[in-house]
Amino acid sequence: MNDIVSDYPMRRPQMIFQPLILLAMLAIAAALVFGFFGALHPALDSFSHLRAHLAVLLALLALALLAFAGFRTEAAVALLFAFG
């Protein structure tokens, strides 16, 4: 019983950061997709200049999410999207 109670403070920050990292990955993936539609609107063309930077940032966040146990599938898909 003491092991479960002593592990609780270590698990709490991990549970908070998992959804935050996932939301950040979704926002970066959306910005990355917007860069491909630059021919449709000039505002979307500004995202095309940052495609390489966004891909690296997406890969770094996916690697950070792989360290946690909850969203491994989402992190693996994000890595494929970043390097694909």
PDB file of N, CA and C in Angstrom:
ATOM      1  N   MET A   1       0.822  -1.187   0.000  1.00  0.00           N
ATOM      2  CA  MET A   1       0.000   0.000   0.000  1.00  0.00           C
ATOM      3  C   MET A   1       0.869   1.256   0.000  1.00  0.00           C
ATOM      4  N   ASN A   2       1.978   1.234   0.718  1.00  0.00           N
ATOM      5  CA  ASN A   2       2.835   2.406   0.783  1.00  0.00           C
ATOM      6  C   ASN A   2       3.482   2.700  -0.569  1.00  0.00           C
ATOM      7  N   ASP A   3       3.736   1.666  -1.376  1.00  0.00           N
ATOM      8  CA  ASP A   3       4.340   1.887  -2.693  1.00  0.00           C
ATOM      9  C   ASP A   3       3.390   2.646  -3.611  1.00  0.00           C
ATOM     10  N   ILE A   4       2.112   2.323  -3.543  1.00  0.00           N
ATOM     11  CA  ILE A   4       1.133   2.997  -4.382  1.00  0.00           C
ATOM     12  C   ILE A   4       1.000   4.463  -3.976  1.00  0.00           C
ATOM     13  N   VAL A   5       0.977   4.713  -2.694  1.00  0.00           N
ATOM     14  CA  VAL A   5       0.834   6.086  -2.204  1.00  0.00           C
ATOM     15  C   VAL A   5       2.083   6.896  -2.522  1.00  0.00           C
ATOM     16  N   SER A   6       3.257   6.301  -2.407  1.00  0.00           N
ATOM     17  CA  SER A   6       4.484   7.045  -2.669  1.00  0.00           C
ATOM     18  C   SER A   6       4.688   7.312  -4.153  1.00  0.00           C
ATOM     19  N   ASP A   7       4.090   6.498  -5.060  1.00  0.00           N
ATOM     20  CA  ASP A   7       4.211   6.721  -6.498  1.00  0.00           C
ATOM     21  C   ASP A   7       3.258   7.805  -6.999  1.00  0.00           C
ATOM     22  N   TYR A   8       2.243   8.141  -6.234  1.00  0.00           N
ATOM     23  CA  TYR A   8       1.234   9.078  -6.706  1.00  0.00           C
ATOM     24  C   TYR A   8       1.803  10.453  -7.048  1.00  0.00           C
ATOM     25  N   PRO A   9       2.671  11.058  -6.231  1.00  0.00           N
ATOM     26  CA  PRO A   9       3.193  12.374  -6.617  1.00  0.00           C
ATOM     27  C   PRO A   9       4.038  12.338  -7.884  1.00  0.00           C
ATOM     28  N   MET A  10       4.657  11.224  -8.203  1.00  0.00           N
ATOM     29  CA  MET A  10       5.457  11.117  -9.419  1.00  0.00           C
ATOM     30  C   MET A  10       4.561  10.971 -10.656  1.00  0.00           C
ATOM     31  N   ARG A  11       3.407  10.360 -10.515  1.00  0.00           N
ATOM     32  CA  ARG A  11       2.527  10.136 -11.654  1.00  0.00           C
ATOM     33  C   ARG A  11       1.685  11.365 -11.981  1.00  0.00           C
ATOM     34  N   ARG A  12       1.453  12.220 -11.035  1.00  0.00           N
ATOM     35  CA  ARG A  12       0.571  13.372 -11.254  1.00  0.00           C
ATOM     36  C   ARG A  12       1.075  14.311 -12.356  1.00  0.00           C
ATOM     37  N   PRO A  13       2.326  14.769 -12.366  1.00  0.00           N
ATOM     38  CA  PRO A  13       2.763  15.632 -13.473  1.00  0.00           C
ATOM     39  C   PRO A  13       2.728  14.929 -14.820  1.00  0.00           C
ATOM     40  N   GLN A  14       2.984  13.642 -14.834  1.00  0.00           N
ATOM     41  CA  GLN A  14       2.953  12.889 -16.077  1.00  0.00           C
ATOM     42  C   GLN A  14       1.538  12.895 -16.654  1.00  0.00           C
ATOM     43  N   MET A  15       0.533  12.762 -15.808  1.00  0.00           N
ATOM     44  CA  MET A  15      -0.845  12.749 -16.274  1.00  0.00           C
ATOM     45  C   MET A  15      -1.275  14.134 -16.763  1.00  0.00           C
ATOM     46  N   ILE A  16      -0.680  15.186 -16.246  1.00  0.00           N
ATOM     47  CA  ILE A  16      -1.028  16.532 -16.674  1.00  0.00           C
ATOM     48  C   ILE A  16      -0.382  16.849 -18.015  1.00  0.00           C
ATOM     49  N   PHE A  17       0.863  16.451 -18.212  1.00  0.00           N
ATOM     50  CA  PHE A  17       1.589  16.821 -19.418  1.00  0.00           C
ATOM     51  C   PHE A  17       1.212  16.003 -20.645  1.00  0.00           C
ATOM     52  N   GLN A  18       0.691  14.813 -20.477  1.00  0.00           N
ATOM     53  CA  GLN A  18       0.329  13.990 -21.633  1.00  0.00           C
ATOM     54  C   GLN A  18      -0.699  14.668 -22.539  1.00  0.00           C
ATOM     55  N   PRO A  19      -1.837  15.124 -22.010  1.00  0.00           N
ATOM     56  CA  PRO A  19      -2.801  15.792 -22.911  1.00  0.00           C
ATOM     57  C   PRO A  19      -2.290  17.121 -23.452  1.00  0.00           C
ATOM     58  N   LEU A  20      -1.470  17.824 -22.683  1.00  0.00           N
ATOM     59  CA  LEU A  20      -0.933  19.093 -23.166  1.00  0.00           C
ATOM     60  C   LEU A  20       0.016  18.882 -24.337  1.00  0.00           C
ATOM     61  N   ILE A  21       0.858  17.867 -24.244  1.00  0.00           N
ATOM     62  CA  ILE A  21       1.767  17.564 -25.353  1.00  0.00           C
ATOM     63  C   ILE A  21       0.970  17.101 -26.566  1.00  0.00           C
ATOM     64  N   LEU A  22      -0.082  16.320 -26.335  1.00  0.00           N
ATOM     65  CA  LEU A  22      -0.912  15.849 -27.447  1.00  0.00           C
ATOM     66  C   LEU A  22      -1.609  17.019 -28.135  1.00  0.00           C
ATOM     67  N   LEU A  23      -2.133  17.965 -27.372  1.00  0.00           N
ATOM     68  CA  LEU A  23      -2.775  19.137 -27.970  1.00  0.00           C
ATOM     69  C   LEU A  23      -1.774  19.994 -28.739  1.00  0.00           C
ATOM     70  N   ALA A  24      -0.574  20.134 -28.208  1.00  0.00           N
ATOM     71  CA  ALA A  24       0.462  20.888 -28.920  1.00  0.00           C
ATOM     72  C   ALA A  24       0.834  20.189 -30.221  1.00  0.00           C
ATOM     73  N   MET A  25       0.897  18.861 -30.195  1.00  0.00           N
ATOM     74  CA  MET A  25       1.199  18.108 -31.414  1.00  0.00           C
ATOM     75  C   MET A  25       0.094  18.278 -32.453  1.00  0.00           C
ATOM     76  N   LEU A  26      -1.151  18.293 -32.006  1.00  0.00           N
ATOM     77  CA  LEU A  26      -2.256  18.484 -32.947  1.00  0.00           C
ATOM     78  C   LEU A  26      -2.217  19.868 -33.576  1.00  0.00           C
ATOM     79  N   ALA A  27      -1.896  20.885 -32.784  1.00  0.00           N
ATOM     80  CA  ALA A  27      -1.809  22.249 -33.314  1.00  0.00           C
ATOM     81  C   ALA A  27      -0.671  22.375 -34.317  1.00  0.00           C
ATOM     82  N   ILE A  28       0.458  21.767 -34.016  1.00  0.00           N
ATOM     83  CA  ILE A  28       1.597  21.831 -34.931  1.00  0.00           C
ATOM     84  C   ILE A  28       1.306  21.035 -36.200  1.00  0.00           C
ATOM     85  N   ALA A  29       0.631  19.897 -36.063  1.00  0.00           N
ATOM     86  CA  ALA A  29       0.274  19.110 -37.250  1.00  0.00           C
ATOM     87  C   ALA A  29      -0.711  19.879 -38.124  1.00  0.00           C
ATOM     88  N   ALA A  30      -1.644  20.594 -37.512  1.00  0.00           N
ATOM     89  CA  ALA A  30      -2.585  21.402 -38.294  1.00  0.00           C
ATOM     90  C   ALA A  30      -1.841  22.517 -39.033  1.00  0.00           C
ATOM     91  N   ALA A  31      -0.907  23.167 -38.358  1.00  0.00           N
ATOM     92  CA  ALA A  31      -0.122  24.222 -39.019  1.00  0.00           C
ATOM     93  C   ALA A  31       0.713  23.646 -40.151  1.00  0.00           C
ATOM     94  N   LEU A  32       1.198  22.432 -39.964  1.00  0.00           N
ATOM     95  CA  LEU A  32       1.979  21.778 -41.009  1.00  0.00           C
ATOM     96  C   LEU A  32       1.107  21.477 -42.233  1.00  0.00           C
ATOM     97  N   VAL A  33      -0.107  21.053 -42.006  1.00  0.00           N
ATOM     98  CA  VAL A  33      -1.040  20.776 -43.106  1.00  0.00           C
ATOM     99  C   VAL A  33      -1.437  22.069 -43.809  1.00  0.00           C
ATOM    100  N   PHE A  34      -1.629  23.154 -43.038  1.00  0.00           N
ATOM    101  CA  PHE A  34      -1.984  24.443 -43.645  1.00  0.00           C
ATOM    102  C   PHE A  34      -0.918  24.902 -44.632  1.00  0.00           C
ATOM    103  N   GLY A  35       0.330  24.534 -44.393  1.00  0.00           N
ATOM    104  CA  GLY A  35       1.403  24.922 -45.289  1.00  0.00           C
ATOM    105  C   GLY A  35       1.278  24.326 -46.673  1.00  0.00           C
ATOM    106  N   PHE A  36       0.591  23.220 -46.799  1.00  0.00           N
ATOM    107  CA  PHE A  36       0.408  22.598 -48.105  1.00  0.00           C
ATOM    108  C   PHE A  36      -0.687  23.267 -48.931  1.00  0.00           C
ATOM    109  N   PHE A  37      -1.502  24.117 -48.291  1.00  0.00           N
ATOM    110  CA  PHE A  37      -2.584  24.802 -48.982  1.00  0.00           C
ATOM    111  C   PHE A  37      -2.255  26.271 -49.226  1.00  0.00           C
ATOM    112  N   GLY A  38      -0.989  26.583 -49.394  1.00  0.00           N
ATOM    113  CA  GLY A  38      -0.550  27.956 -49.605  1.00  0.00           C
ATOM    114  C   GLY A  38      -1.032  28.550 -50.912  1.00  0.00           C
ATOM    115  N   ALA A  39      -1.329  27.722 -51.896  1.00  0.00           N
ATOM    116  CA  ALA A  39      -1.808  28.234 -53.181  1.00  0.00           C
ATOM    117  C   ALA A  39      -3.245  28.738 -53.090  1.00  0.00           C
ATOM    118  N   LEU A  40      -3.956  28.331 -52.061  1.00  0.00           N
ATOM    119  CA  LEU A  40      -5.352  28.735 -51.928  1.00  0.00           C
ATOM    120  C   LEU A  40      -5.510  30.128 -51.334  1.00  0.00           C
ATOM    121  N   HIS A  41      -4.631  30.476 -50.400  1.00  0.00           N
ATOM    122  CA  HIS A  41      -4.756  31.766 -49.716  1.00  0.00           C
ATOM    123  C   HIS A  41      -3.372  32.223 -49.251  1.00  0.00           C
ATOM    124  N   PRO A  42      -3.110  33.523 -49.349  1.00  0.00           N
ATOM    125  CA  PRO A  42      -1.789  34.017 -48.932  1.00  0.00           C
ATOM    126  C   PRO A  42      -1.492  33.815 -47.444  1.00  0.00           C
ATOM    127  N   ALA A  43      -2.521  33.789 -46.618  1.00  0.00           N
ATOM    128  CA  ALA A  43      -2.292  33.567 -45.182  1.00  0.00           C
ATOM    129  C   ALA A  43      -1.766  32.157 -44.927  1.00  0.00           C
ATOM    130  N   LEU A  44      -2.235  31.216 -45.703  1.00  0.00           N
ATOM    131  CA  LEU A  44      -1.763  29.841 -45.552  1.00  0.00           C
ATOM    132  C   LEU A  44      -0.363  29.667 -46.126  1.00  0.00           C
ATOM    133  N   ASP A  45       0.022  30.556 -47.023  1.00  0.00           N
ATOM    134  CA  ASP A  45       1.356  30.482 -47.612  1.00  0.00           C
ATOM    135  C   ASP A  45       2.445  30.771 -46.578  1.00  0.00           C
ATOM    136  N   SER A  46       2.099  31.513 -45.540  1.00  0.00           N
ATOM    137  CA  SER A  46       3.095  31.793 -44.499  1.00  0.00           C
ATOM    138  C   SER A  46       3.470  30.530 -43.727  1.00  0.00           C
ATOM    139  N   PHE A  47       2.556  29.571 -43.658  1.00  0.00           N
ATOM    140  CA  PHE A  47       2.881  28.309 -42.984  1.00  0.00           C
ATOM    141  C   PHE A  47       3.848  27.461 -43.810  1.00  0.00           C
ATOM    142  N   SER A  48       3.841  27.662 -45.126  1.00  0.00           N
ATOM    143  CA  SER A  48       4.720  26.839 -45.971  1.00  0.00           C
ATOM    144  C   SER A  48       6.190  27.166 -45.750  1.00  0.00           C
ATOM    145  N   HIS A  49       6.474  28.371 -45.288  1.00  0.00           N
ATOM    146  CA  HIS A  49       7.863  28.743 -45.020  1.00  0.00           C
ATOM    147  C   HIS A  49       8.397  28.082 -43.754  1.00  0.00           C
ATOM    148  N   LEU A  50       7.501  27.622 -42.911  1.00  0.00           N
ATOM    149  CA  LEU A  50       7.897  27.026 -41.629  1.00  0.00           C
ATOM    150  C   LEU A  50       7.736  25.517 -41.602  1.00  0.00           C
ATOM    151  N   ARG A  51       7.504  24.896 -42.756  1.00  0.00           N
ATOM    152  CA  ARG A  51       7.226  23.458 -42.772  1.00  0.00           C
ATOM    153  C   ARG A  51       8.342  22.619 -42.163  1.00  0.00           C
ATOM    154  N   ALA A  52       9.571  22.910 -42.476  1.00  0.00           N
ATOM    155  CA  ALA A  52      10.692  22.117 -41.940  1.00  0.00           C
ATOM    156  C   ALA A  52      10.816  22.315 -40.425  1.00  0.00           C
ATOM    157  N   HIS A  53      10.646  23.539 -39.975  1.00  0.00           N
ATOM    158  CA  HIS A  53      10.741  23.807 -38.545  1.00  0.00           C
ATOM    159  C   HIS A  53       9.604  23.128 -37.780  1.00  0.00           C
ATOM    160  N   LEU A  54       8.412  23.186 -38.349  1.00  0.00           N
ATOM    161  CA  LEU A  54       7.268  22.550 -37.704  1.00  0.00           C
ATOM    162  C   LEU A  54       7.422  21.034 -37.669  1.00  0.00           C
ATOM    163  N   ALA A  55       7.997  20.453 -38.713  1.00  0.00           N
ATOM    164  CA  ALA A  55       8.203  19.007 -38.741  1.00  0.00           C
ATOM    165  C   ALA A  55       9.189  18.576 -37.658  1.00  0.00           C
ATOM    166  N   VAL A  56      10.249  19.351 -37.465  1.00  0.00           N
ATOM    167  CA  VAL A  56      11.221  19.022 -36.414  1.00  0.00           C
ATOM    168  C   VAL A  56      10.584  19.169 -35.041  1.00  0.00           C
ATOM    169  N   LEU A  57       9.810  20.234 -34.842  1.00  0.00           N
ATOM    170  CA  LEU A  57       9.140  20.437 -33.559  1.00  0.00           C
ATOM    171  C   LEU A  57       8.123  19.335 -33.287  1.00  0.00           C
ATOM    172  N   LEU A  58       7.406  18.917 -34.318  1.00  0.00           N
ATOM    173  CA  LEU A  58       6.452  17.818 -34.170  1.00  0.00           C
ATOM    174  C   LEU A  58       7.166  16.526 -33.793  1.00  0.00           C
ATOM    175  N   ALA A  59       8.306  16.257 -34.409  1.00  0.00           N
ATOM    176  CA  ALA A  59       9.069  15.051 -34.084  1.00  0.00           C
ATOM    177  C   ALA A  59       9.589  15.092 -32.645  1.00  0.00           C
ATOM    178  N   LEU A  60      10.043  16.251 -32.200  1.00  0.00           N
ATOM    179  CA  LEU A  60      10.529  16.361 -30.814  1.00  0.00           C
ATOM    180  C   LEU A  60       9.411  16.150 -29.806  1.00  0.00           C
ATOM    181  N   LEU A  61       8.244  16.715 -30.086  1.00  0.00           N
ATOM    182  CA  LEU A  61       7.116  16.499 -29.178  1.00  0.00           C
ATOM    183  C   LEU A  61       6.647  15.048 -29.211  1.00  0.00           C
ATOM    184  N   ALA A  62       6.714  14.416 -30.376  1.00  0.00           N
ATOM    185  CA  ALA A  62       6.331  13.004 -30.463  1.00  0.00           C
ATOM    186  C   ALA A  62       7.300  12.128 -29.678  1.00  0.00           C
ATOM    187  N   LEU A  63       8.578  12.455 -29.722  1.00  0.00           N
ATOM    188  CA  LEU A  63       9.550  11.702 -28.919  1.00  0.00           C
ATOM    189  C   LEU A  63       9.305  11.904 -27.428  1.00  0.00           C
ATOM    190  N   ALA A  64       8.929  13.115 -27.045  1.00  0.00           N
ATOM    191  CA  ALA A  64       8.605  13.362 -25.638  1.00  0.00           C
ATOM    192  C   ALA A  64       7.366  12.585 -25.229  1.00  0.00           C
ATOM    193  N   LEU A  65       6.394  12.477 -26.123  1.00  0.00           N
ATOM    194  CA  LEU A  65       5.181  11.733 -25.812  1.00  0.00           C
ATOM    195  C   LEU A  65       5.439  10.231 -25.780  1.00  0.00           C
ATOM    196  N   LEU A  66       6.427   9.763 -26.532  1.00  0.00           N
ATOM    197  CA  LEU A  66       6.784   8.343 -26.478  1.00  0.00           C
ATOM    198  C   LEU A  66       7.351   7.958 -25.110  1.00  0.00           C
ATOM    199  N   ALA A  67       7.900   8.928 -24.399  1.00  0.00           N
ATOM    200  CA  ALA A  67       8.439   8.644 -23.068  1.00  0.00           C
ATOM    201  C   ALA A  67       7.331   8.305 -22.083  1.00  0.00           C
ATOM    202  N   PHE A  68       6.139   8.839 -22.328  1.00  0.00           N
ATOM    203  CA  PHE A  68       5.001   8.522 -21.477  1.00  0.00           C
ATOM    204  C   PHE A  68       4.321   7.274 -22.011  1.00  0.00           C
ATOM    205  N   ALA A  69       3.527   6.630 -21.181  1.00  0.00           N
ATOM    206  CA  ALA A  69       2.942   5.348 -21.568  1.00  0.00           C
ATOM    207  C   ALA A  69       1.579   5.495 -22.235  1.00  0.00           C
ATOM    208  N   GLY A  70       0.924   6.624 -22.120  1.00  0.00           N
ATOM    209  CA  GLY A  70      -0.475   6.729 -22.522  1.00  0.00           C
ATOM    210  C   GLY A  70      -0.743   6.837 -24.005  1.00  0.00           C
ATOM    211  N   PHE A  71       0.000   7.653 -24.726  1.00  0.00           N
ATOM    212  CA  PHE A  71      -0.320   7.970 -26.108  1.00  0.00           C
ATOM    213  C   PHE A  71       0.786   7.511 -27.060  1.00  0.00           C
ATOM    214  N   ARG A  72       1.187   6.281 -26.982  1.00  0.00           N
ATOM    215  CA  ARG A  72       2.282   5.801 -27.829  1.00  0.00           C
ATOM    216  C   ARG A  72       1.869   5.676 -29.288  1.00  0.00           C
ATOM    217  N   THR A  73       0.651   5.276 -29.550  1.00  0.00           N
ATOM    218  CA  THR A  73       0.187   5.149 -30.930  1.00  0.00           C
ATOM    219  C   THR A  73       0.135   6.516 -31.605  1.00  0.00           C
ATOM    220  N   GLU A  74      -0.397   7.509 -30.888  1.00  0.00           N
ATOM    221  CA  GLU A  74      -0.478   8.858 -31.433  1.00  0.00           C
ATOM    222  C   GLU A  74       0.916   9.432 -31.689  1.00  0.00           C
ATOM    223  N   ALA A  75       1.848   9.143 -30.796  1.00  0.00           N
ATOM    224  CA  ALA A  75       3.216   9.632 -30.961  1.00  0.00           C
ATOM    225  C   ALA A  75       3.887   8.967 -32.165  1.00  0.00           C
ATOM    226  N   ALA A  76       3.639   7.686 -32.367  1.00  0.00           N
ATOM    227  CA  ALA A  76       4.236   6.994 -33.512  1.00  0.00           C
ATOM    228  C   ALA A  76       3.677   7.531 -34.823  1.00  0.00           C
ATOM    229  N   VAL A  77       2.377   7.816 -34.864  1.00  0.00           N
ATOM    230  CA  VAL A  77       1.773   8.385 -36.071  1.00  0.00           C
ATOM    231  C   VAL A  77       2.322   9.778 -36.323  1.00  0.00           C
ATOM    232  N   ALA A  78       2.515  10.552 -35.269  1.00  0.00           N
ATOM    233  CA  ALA A  78       3.081  11.906 -35.414  1.00  0.00           C
ATOM    234  C   ALA A  78       4.504  11.845 -35.939  1.00  0.00           C
ATOM    235  N   LEU A  79       5.274  10.859 -35.499  1.00  0.00           N
ATOM    236  CA  LEU A  79       6.637  10.701 -36.031  1.00  0.00           C
ATOM    237  C   LEU A  79       6.603  10.352 -37.521  1.00  0.00           C
ATOM    238  N   LEU A  80       5.688   9.502 -37.920  1.00  0.00           N
ATOM    239  CA  LEU A  80       5.564   9.177 -39.338  1.00  0.00           C
ATOM    240  C   LEU A  80       5.145  10.391 -40.143  1.00  0.00           C
ATOM    241  N   PHE A  81       4.264  11.194 -39.578  1.00  0.00           N
ATOM    242  CA  PHE A  81       3.804  12.401 -40.268  1.00  0.00           C
ATOM    243  C   PHE A  81       4.915  13.432 -40.371  1.00  0.00           C
ATOM    244  N   ALA A  82       5.732  13.529 -39.343  1.00  0.00           N
ATOM    245  CA  ALA A  82       6.819  14.516 -39.341  1.00  0.00           C
ATOM    246  C   ALA A  82       7.905  14.141 -40.337  1.00  0.00           C
ATOM    247  N   PHE A  83       8.225  12.865 -40.451  1.00  0.00           N
ATOM    248  CA  PHE A  83       9.306  12.439 -41.327  1.00  0.00           C
ATOM    249  C   PHE A  83       8.822  11.996 -42.708  1.00  0.00           C
ATOM    250  N   GLY A  84       7.513  11.955 -42.896  1.00  0.00           N
ATOM    251  CA  GLY A  84       6.983  11.469 -44.165  1.00  0.00           C
ATOM    252  C   GLY A  84       6.778  12.532 -45.099  1.00  0.00           C
TER     253      GLY A  84
END
